[in-house]
Amino acid sequence: MKCTISFFFLLLGSSLFAQEYTKISDPKACKAALEKQHKETKSIQADFTETASSSLLNTPQKGSGKMWYKKENKIRWEKNKPDSQIILINGKEVKLQEKGKEVSSASSKMVVKKIQQLMVQMMTGEFLNEKDFKITYYENKSNYKLILVPKSDKMKRYVAEISLIFGKEELLLKELTMKQNDTDKLVYSFSNMQQNGTINDSKFTTF
């Protein structure tokens, strides 16, 4: 399934990566600050842009949309360009709609479930416990960059590496990059981020 598989195709060529990063030898302070920020975050609303590259594509594909997150484990991921796609996560319930039609096949739901597990960990900060990932911390003048490598071989089938960039000032996620292999990559850049605003629960149950 093109649109859901493409979630795992990532691009590392953002301008944020042009800045030089150095490894943090003792990441305790950085980890503690991120954990505190995630605990204080009740909801997030943001725009995103998507750039995907793959050995199957002649040129990178561009996309854009909006996302909403609300505790506990509620996410709406709504892509409107180039094609319409909506992923709804409401606790353990996951729904997928593509081009205005709900997708219900078992294989599609399996892929969406993998997406759900990753997205919830990224938004809630659960990944910081290093249960599923080995994390290496880097920093430059304005950002922290965390490189996450899955510990299980099962997860490595879907994603080889995840990179997260947080601004040092606000400690909110700027970029989420995933890498499936050397050629299949994707990057999400977030903007217009609003924190702890009111979001109706229907946002996560109704397409």
Protein backbone atom coordinates (compact mmCIF):
# COMPACT_ATOMS: atom_id res chain seq x y z
CA MET A 1 0.00 0.00 0.00
CA LYS A 2 1.80 3.03 -1.36
CA CYS A 3 0.70 5.76 1.05
CA THR A 4 1.21 3.78 4.26
CA ILE A 5 4.47 2.16 3.21
CA SER A 6 5.72 5.62 2.26
CA PHE A 7 5.44 6.58 5.93
CA PHE A 8 8.69 4.69 6.45
CA PHE A 9 10.57 6.34 3.55
CA LEU A 10 12.68 9.15 4.90
CA LEU A 11 14.86 12.01 3.71
CA LEU A 12 17.86 13.25 5.72
CA GLY A 13 18.64 16.28 3.54
CA SER A 14 16.97 18.99 5.61
CA SER A 15 18.69 22.28 6.35
CA LEU A 16 18.63 21.34 10.03
CA PHE A 17 21.11 18.57 9.27
CA ALA A 18 23.45 21.06 7.61
CA GLN A 19 24.27 22.39 11.06
CA GLU A 20 27.11 20.64 12.81
CA TYR A 21 26.09 18.43 15.73
CA THR A 22 28.32 17.08 18.46
CA LYS A 23 27.62 14.06 20.63
CA ILE A 24 26.48 14.77 24.20
CA SER A 25 28.70 12.75 26.51
CA ASP A 26 26.32 12.98 29.47
CA PRO A 27 22.73 13.31 28.17
CA LYS A 28 20.99 13.21 31.58
CA ALA A 29 20.06 16.92 31.57
CA CYS A 30 18.75 16.78 28.00
CA LYS A 31 16.72 13.64 28.69
CA ALA A 32 15.27 15.11 31.90
CA ALA A 33 14.26 18.33 30.11
CA LEU A 34 12.51 16.40 27.33
CA GLU A 35 10.74 14.13 29.83
CA LYS A 36 9.49 17.18 31.75
CA GLN A 37 8.24 18.81 28.54
CA HIS A 38 6.36 15.70 27.46
CA LYS A 39 4.72 15.36 30.87
CA GLU A 40 3.50 18.96 30.69
CA THR A 41 2.18 18.59 27.13
CA LYS A 42 -1.55 17.83 27.08
CA SER A 43 -2.14 18.49 23.37
CA ILE A 44 -0.34 19.55 20.19
CA GLN A 45 -1.62 20.90 16.90
CA ALA A 46 0.72 21.56 13.97
CA ASP A 47 1.17 21.73 10.21
CA PHE A 48 3.65 19.37 8.58
CA THR A 49 5.45 18.94 5.29
CA GLU A 50 6.52 15.55 4.03
CA THR A 51 9.38 14.68 1.69
CA ALA A 52 9.83 11.05 0.68
CA SER A 53 12.54 9.44 -1.39
CA SER A 54 12.79 5.86 -2.58
CA SER A 55 14.67 3.69 -5.05
CA LEU A 56 11.26 3.27 -6.73
CA LEU A 57 10.87 7.03 -7.29
CA ASN A 58 12.71 9.14 -9.87
CA THR A 59 12.35 12.28 -7.74
CA PRO A 60 11.39 12.85 -4.09
CA GLN A 61 7.65 13.14 -3.43
CA LYS A 62 6.34 16.18 -1.57
CA GLY A 63 3.32 16.22 0.70
CA SER A 64 1.72 18.33 3.42
CA GLY A 65 -1.02 18.23 6.02
CA LYS A 66 -1.97 18.74 9.65
CA MET A 67 -1.65 16.71 12.82
CA TRP A 68 -3.35 16.75 16.21
CA TYR A 69 -2.23 14.99 19.38
CA LYS A 70 -4.04 14.74 22.71
CA LYS A 71 -3.37 12.73 25.84
CA GLU A 72 -3.92 9.87 26.24
CA ASN A 73 -2.82 8.28 22.96
CA LYS A 74 -5.01 10.28 20.60
CA ILE A 75 -3.57 11.28 17.21
CA ARG A 76 -5.09 12.57 13.99
CA TRP A 77 -2.65 12.55 11.05
CA GLU A 78 -4.27 14.23 8.06
CA LYS A 79 -2.37 14.50 4.78
CA ASN A 80 -4.06 16.55 2.07
CA LYS A 81 -1.34 16.72 -0.61
CA PRO A 82 -0.63 15.06 -3.00
CA ASP A 83 -3.40 12.61 -2.03
CA SER A 84 -5.87 12.59 0.86
CA GLN A 85 -5.00 10.29 3.76
CA ILE A 86 -6.24 10.33 7.36
CA ILE A 87 -4.98 8.14 10.21
CA LEU A 88 -7.03 8.24 13.42
CA ILE A 89 -5.57 6.85 16.64
CA ASN A 90 -7.85 6.78 19.67
CA GLY A 91 -6.25 4.63 22.35
CA LYS A 92 -6.06 1.12 20.87
CA GLU A 93 -8.47 1.94 18.04
CA VAL A 94 -6.88 2.78 14.70
CA LYS A 95 -8.67 3.88 11.51
CA LEU A 96 -7.36 4.68 8.05
CA GLN A 97 -8.97 6.60 5.22
CA GLU A 98 -7.44 7.06 1.76
CA LYS A 99 -8.87 9.34 -0.93
CA GLY A 100 -12.13 9.63 1.01
CA LYS A 101 -12.67 5.90 1.55
CA GLU A 102 -12.04 3.95 4.74
CA VAL A 103 -9.51 1.12 4.37
CA SER A 104 -10.32 -2.07 6.26
CA SER A 105 -8.02 -4.79 4.86
CA ALA A 106 -6.04 -6.82 7.39
CA SER A 107 -2.68 -6.06 5.75
CA SER A 108 -3.40 -2.33 5.72
CA LYS A 109 -4.41 -2.37 9.37
CA MET A 110 -1.19 -4.18 10.27
CA VAL A 111 0.93 -1.45 8.67
CA VAL A 112 -1.19 1.28 10.31
CA LYS A 113 -0.75 -0.47 13.66
CA LYS A 114 3.03 -0.22 13.26
CA ILE A 115 2.63 3.47 12.48
CA GLN A 116 0.39 3.87 15.52
CA GLN A 117 2.93 2.32 17.86
CA LEU A 118 5.73 4.56 16.58
CA MET A 119 3.67 7.75 16.53
CA VAL A 120 2.39 7.29 20.07
CA GLN A 121 5.93 6.75 21.36
CA MET A 122 7.22 9.84 19.55
CA MET A 123 4.40 12.12 20.76
CA THR A 124 4.24 10.91 24.37
CA GLY A 125 7.99 10.69 24.93
CA GLU A 126 7.66 7.00 25.77
CA PHE A 127 10.70 6.34 23.56
CA LEU A 128 12.91 8.03 26.19
CA ASN A 129 12.72 4.95 28.44
CA GLU A 130 14.90 3.17 25.84
CA LYS A 131 12.82 0.01 26.10
CA ASP A 132 12.49 -0.29 22.31
CA PHE A 133 15.31 1.99 21.11
CA LYS A 134 18.94 2.69 21.76
CA ILE A 135 19.28 6.50 21.85
CA THR A 136 22.32 8.64 21.07
CA TYR A 137 22.08 12.36 21.94
CA TYR A 138 23.59 15.21 19.90
CA GLU A 139 23.36 18.99 20.07
CA ASN A 140 24.31 22.20 18.30
CA LYS A 141 23.72 25.82 19.28
CA SER A 142 19.95 25.76 18.77
CA ASN A 143 18.81 22.13 18.63
CA TYR A 144 18.99 18.70 20.18
CA LYS A 145 19.11 15.72 17.82
CA LEU A 146 18.28 12.23 19.04
CA ILE A 147 19.15 9.17 16.95
CA LEU A 148 16.98 6.16 17.78
CA VAL A 149 17.95 2.66 16.64
CA PRO A 150 15.38 -0.12 17.19
CA LYS A 151 16.49 -2.92 19.48
CA SER A 152 14.25 -5.64 18.06
CA ASP A 153 14.88 -7.29 14.70
CA LYS A 154 11.12 -7.24 14.10
CA MET A 155 10.96 -3.45 14.24
CA LYS A 156 14.10 -3.13 12.13
CA ARG A 157 12.15 -4.64 9.23
CA TYR A 158 10.09 -1.43 9.14
CA VAL A 159 12.56 1.24 10.23
CA ALA A 160 16.34 1.14 10.60
CA GLU A 161 16.75 4.51 12.30
CA ILE A 162 14.67 7.41 13.59
CA SER A 163 16.02 10.92 14.03
CA LEU A 164 14.24 13.54 16.13
CA ILE A 165 15.17 17.23 16.28
CA PHE A 166 13.93 19.42 19.14
CA GLY A 167 14.49 23.14 19.54
CA LYS A 168 16.46 23.86 22.71
CA GLU A 169 14.32 26.85 23.61
CA GLU A 170 10.81 25.37 23.44
CA LEU A 171 11.74 21.63 23.44
CA LEU A 172 9.08 20.90 20.82
CA LEU A 173 9.61 18.50 17.92
CA LYS A 174 10.81 20.25 14.75
CA GLU A 175 11.61 17.25 12.58
CA LEU A 176 10.87 13.54 12.62
CA THR A 177 12.99 11.54 10.20
CA MET A 178 12.82 7.81 9.57
CA LYS A 179 15.10 5.65 7.50
CA GLN A 180 14.17 2.25 6.17
CA ASN A 181 17.43 1.73 4.30
CA ASP A 182 20.02 3.78 2.41
CA THR A 183 17.57 4.78 -0.35
CA ASP A 184 14.10 4.71 1.24
CA LYS A 185 13.79 7.71 3.51
CA LEU A 186 11.32 10.38 4.62
CA VAL A 187 11.30 13.55 6.72
CA TYR A 188 8.45 15.39 8.40
CA SER A 189 8.99 19.05 9.28
CA PHE A 190 6.56 20.67 11.71
CA SER A 191 5.45 24.32 11.83
CA ASN A 192 2.75 26.55 13.39
CA MET A 193 2.83 24.31 16.45
CA GLN A 194 0.26 25.07 19.17
CA GLN A 195 0.68 23.44 22.56
CA ASN A 196 -2.00 22.63 25.17
CA GLY A 197 -4.91 24.08 23.20
CA THR A 198 -8.44 22.65 23.33
CA ILE A 199 -9.12 19.80 20.87
CA ASN A 200 -12.52 18.09 20.69
CA ASP A 201 -12.34 14.29 21.08
CA SER A 202 -14.39 13.86 17.89
CA LYS A 203 -11.25 14.86 16.00
CA PHE A 204 -9.86 11.40 16.76
CA THR A 205 -12.96 9.34 16.01
CA THR A 206 -14.56 10.91 12.92
CA PHE A 207 -12.98 11.28 9.48
